[in-house]
Amino acid sequence: MKLFIYYSLSGNGDIIADKMKELGYDLRKVNAKSLKKNNFWNIFKGGFLAGIGAKAKLIDYNNDISNYDEICIGSPIWNGKFSCPINTVLAKTNLDNKNIKFILYSGSGEAKKAIKKINKKYPNAQIIVLKEPKKYNEELEKINGGF
C-alpha cells in the first residue's frame, strides 16, 4: 500500500494530493497549529523557522505507517528547506524499511538544500521537485514520469 503524507499552506500540496490519489495513494494531510493562513507574515515566519530547522506543533498527526510499504512525503520548500510541519513529520515518523519518495514544491522550482538533506538521510529515496503546481499545472506531469 502507498501513502502520501503532505503539508499545504498555499494549496500546491492539495493539488499534488489529488494527483497522488489518482495514482493509488492514500492521503494524510498534515495540519500545523501555528500556520493556518497563507499570508505574508506566516510566509516570512515559516521561511525563517524552516531555515533554522524548526518543527511545528501538529494537529492530530497520526504517525502510524505500519500498513504501508511506500511512503511519499510532500513538502513546500521554505528558505531552501522542508516546511516546519514536514520537519516534525520526519522527526516523528519511522521510515525505516520503507520505499521512500519525496515531492518538493517551491516558487523557484529548486530545492537544493532539501535535496542535500534527503540524499544524506535517505540515500535511496526518489525525489521530484515541482515549480508551483497550482500555477503551473503541467508540472504535475513530472509525477507520472518520476514514479
Protein backbone atom coordinates (compact mmCIF):
# COMPACT_ATOMS: atom_id res chain seq x y z
CA MET A 1 0.00 0.00 0.00
CA LYS A 2 1.08 3.57 -0.71
CA LEU A 3 0.69 6.69 1.42
CA PHE A 4 1.21 10.37 0.57
CA ILE A 5 1.89 12.50 3.66
CA TYR A 6 1.91 16.19 2.84
CA TYR A 7 1.62 19.76 4.04
CA SER A 8 -0.08 22.54 2.11
CA LEU A 9 -0.34 26.16 3.16
CA SER A 10 -0.95 27.75 -0.25
CA GLY A 11 -2.81 24.92 -1.99
CA ASN A 12 0.08 23.45 -4.00
CA GLY A 13 0.20 20.35 -1.81
CA ASP A 14 -3.54 19.83 -2.17
CA ILE A 15 -3.27 19.81 -5.97
CA ILE A 16 -0.46 17.27 -5.76
CA ALA A 17 -2.54 15.18 -3.34
CA ASP A 18 -5.35 14.98 -5.92
CA LYS A 19 -2.84 13.63 -8.43
CA MET A 20 -1.40 11.15 -5.93
CA LYS A 21 -4.88 9.88 -5.13
CA GLU A 22 -5.39 9.21 -8.86
CA LEU A 23 -2.16 7.18 -8.73
CA GLY A 24 -3.50 4.99 -5.92
CA TYR A 25 -2.03 6.65 -2.85
CA ASP A 26 -3.88 7.06 0.42
CA LEU A 27 -3.65 10.65 1.65
CA ARG A 28 -2.65 12.05 5.02
CA LYS A 29 -2.64 15.84 5.21
CA VAL A 30 -0.62 17.44 7.99
CA ASN A 31 -2.07 20.44 9.80
CA ALA A 32 0.02 22.78 11.95
CA LYS A 33 -1.30 24.77 14.91
CA SER A 34 0.59 27.99 14.23
CA LEU A 35 0.38 28.17 10.41
CA LYS A 36 -3.27 28.33 9.46
CA LYS A 37 -3.31 31.19 6.94
CA ASN A 38 -1.36 31.89 3.78
CA ASN A 39 -0.36 35.50 4.41
CA PHE A 40 2.86 37.49 4.27
CA TRP A 41 3.60 37.17 7.98
CA ASN A 42 3.20 33.37 8.03
CA ILE A 43 5.30 33.00 4.87
CA PHE A 44 8.07 35.16 6.36
CA LYS A 45 7.87 33.43 9.75
CA GLY A 46 7.73 29.97 8.17
CA GLY A 47 10.75 30.69 5.96
CA PHE A 48 12.81 31.86 8.91
CA LEU A 49 11.81 28.90 11.08
CA ALA A 50 12.40 26.40 8.27
CA GLY A 51 15.83 27.93 7.72
CA ILE A 52 16.83 27.03 11.27
CA GLY A 53 15.22 23.57 11.06
CA ALA A 54 12.34 24.30 13.44
CA LYS A 55 9.49 21.87 13.91
CA ALA A 56 5.81 22.83 14.07
CA LYS A 57 3.21 21.58 16.53
CA LEU A 58 0.85 19.39 14.56
CA ILE A 59 -2.88 18.92 14.99
CA ASP A 60 -3.89 15.25 15.38
CA TYR A 61 -0.96 13.81 13.41
CA ASN A 62 -1.07 10.03 13.05
CA ASN A 63 2.48 8.69 12.62
CA ASP A 64 1.42 5.04 12.20
CA ILE A 65 2.57 3.94 8.77
CA SER A 66 2.83 0.22 9.56
CA ASN A 67 0.29 -0.76 6.87
CA TYR A 68 2.27 0.96 4.10
CA ASP A 69 5.37 -0.16 2.25
CA GLU A 70 5.71 3.02 0.16
CA ILE A 71 5.70 6.47 1.73
CA CYS A 72 5.79 9.67 -0.28
CA ILE A 73 6.38 12.92 1.62
CA GLY A 74 5.17 16.19 0.09
CA SER A 75 6.60 19.46 1.34
CA PRO A 76 6.67 23.06 0.28
CA ILE A 77 10.19 24.47 0.22
CA TRP A 78 10.73 27.38 2.55
CA ASN A 79 14.08 29.14 2.56
CA GLY A 80 15.50 26.19 0.62
CA LYS A 81 14.43 23.63 3.21
CA PHE A 82 11.48 21.48 4.27
CA SER A 83 8.50 23.24 5.80
CA CYS A 84 8.35 23.16 9.61
CA PRO A 85 5.37 20.76 9.66
CA ILE A 86 7.27 18.26 7.49
CA ASN A 87 10.33 18.61 9.77
CA THR A 88 8.02 17.36 12.52
CA VAL A 89 6.70 14.51 10.38
CA LEU A 90 10.24 13.37 9.58
CA ALA A 91 11.19 13.51 13.27
CA LYS A 92 8.09 11.61 14.48
CA THR A 93 7.68 9.01 11.73
CA ASN A 94 9.86 5.92 11.48
CA LEU A 95 10.62 5.50 7.78
CA ASP A 96 12.98 2.54 8.23
CA ASN A 97 12.43 -0.31 5.77
CA LYS A 98 10.04 1.77 3.65
CA ASN A 99 10.27 2.71 0.00
CA ILE A 100 10.58 6.50 0.38
CA LYS A 101 9.79 9.21 -2.14
CA PHE A 102 9.66 12.98 -1.85
CA ILE A 103 7.75 15.58 -3.82
CA LEU A 104 9.00 19.07 -3.12
CA TYR A 105 7.21 22.17 -4.36
CA SER A 106 8.63 25.66 -4.48
CA GLY A 107 8.24 29.03 -6.12
CA SER A 108 11.61 28.70 -7.85
CA GLY A 109 11.29 25.05 -8.81
CA GLU A 110 14.53 24.36 -6.93
CA ALA A 111 15.22 22.77 -3.57
CA LYS A 112 18.98 22.23 -3.35
CA LYS A 113 19.28 22.31 0.46
CA ALA A 114 16.33 19.96 0.94
CA ILE A 115 17.66 17.55 -1.70
CA LYS A 116 21.05 17.51 0.01
CA LYS A 117 19.36 16.64 3.34
CA ILE A 118 17.29 13.88 1.71
CA ASN A 119 20.33 12.37 -0.02
CA LYS A 120 22.23 12.31 3.27
CA LYS A 121 19.49 10.78 5.42
CA TYR A 122 17.58 8.73 2.80
CA PRO A 123 20.12 7.92 0.05
CA ASN A 124 17.76 5.60 -1.85
CA ALA A 125 14.80 7.98 -1.89
CA GLN A 126 13.36 9.23 -5.16
CA ILE A 127 12.87 12.99 -5.41
CA ILE A 128 10.73 15.16 -7.66
CA VAL A 129 10.78 18.96 -7.48
CA LEU A 130 7.82 20.91 -8.85
CA LYS A 131 7.54 24.63 -9.51
CA GLU A 132 4.24 25.95 -8.12
CA PRO A 133 1.90 23.24 -9.46
CA LYS A 134 -1.12 25.37 -8.53
CA LYS A 135 0.08 27.98 -11.03
CA TYR A 136 1.86 25.66 -13.49
CA ASN A 137 -0.43 22.63 -13.72
CA GLU A 138 1.82 20.97 -16.31
CA GLU A 139 4.37 20.42 -13.52
CA LEU A 140 2.18 17.55 -12.29
CA GLU A 141 3.25 15.55 -15.36
CA LYS A 142 6.67 15.12 -13.70
CA ILE A 143 4.97 12.85 -11.17
CA ASN A 144 3.80 10.49 -13.91
CA GLY A 145 7.30 10.16 -15.32
CA GLY A 146 9.13 10.24 -11.98
CA PHE A 147 7.43 7.47 -10.07
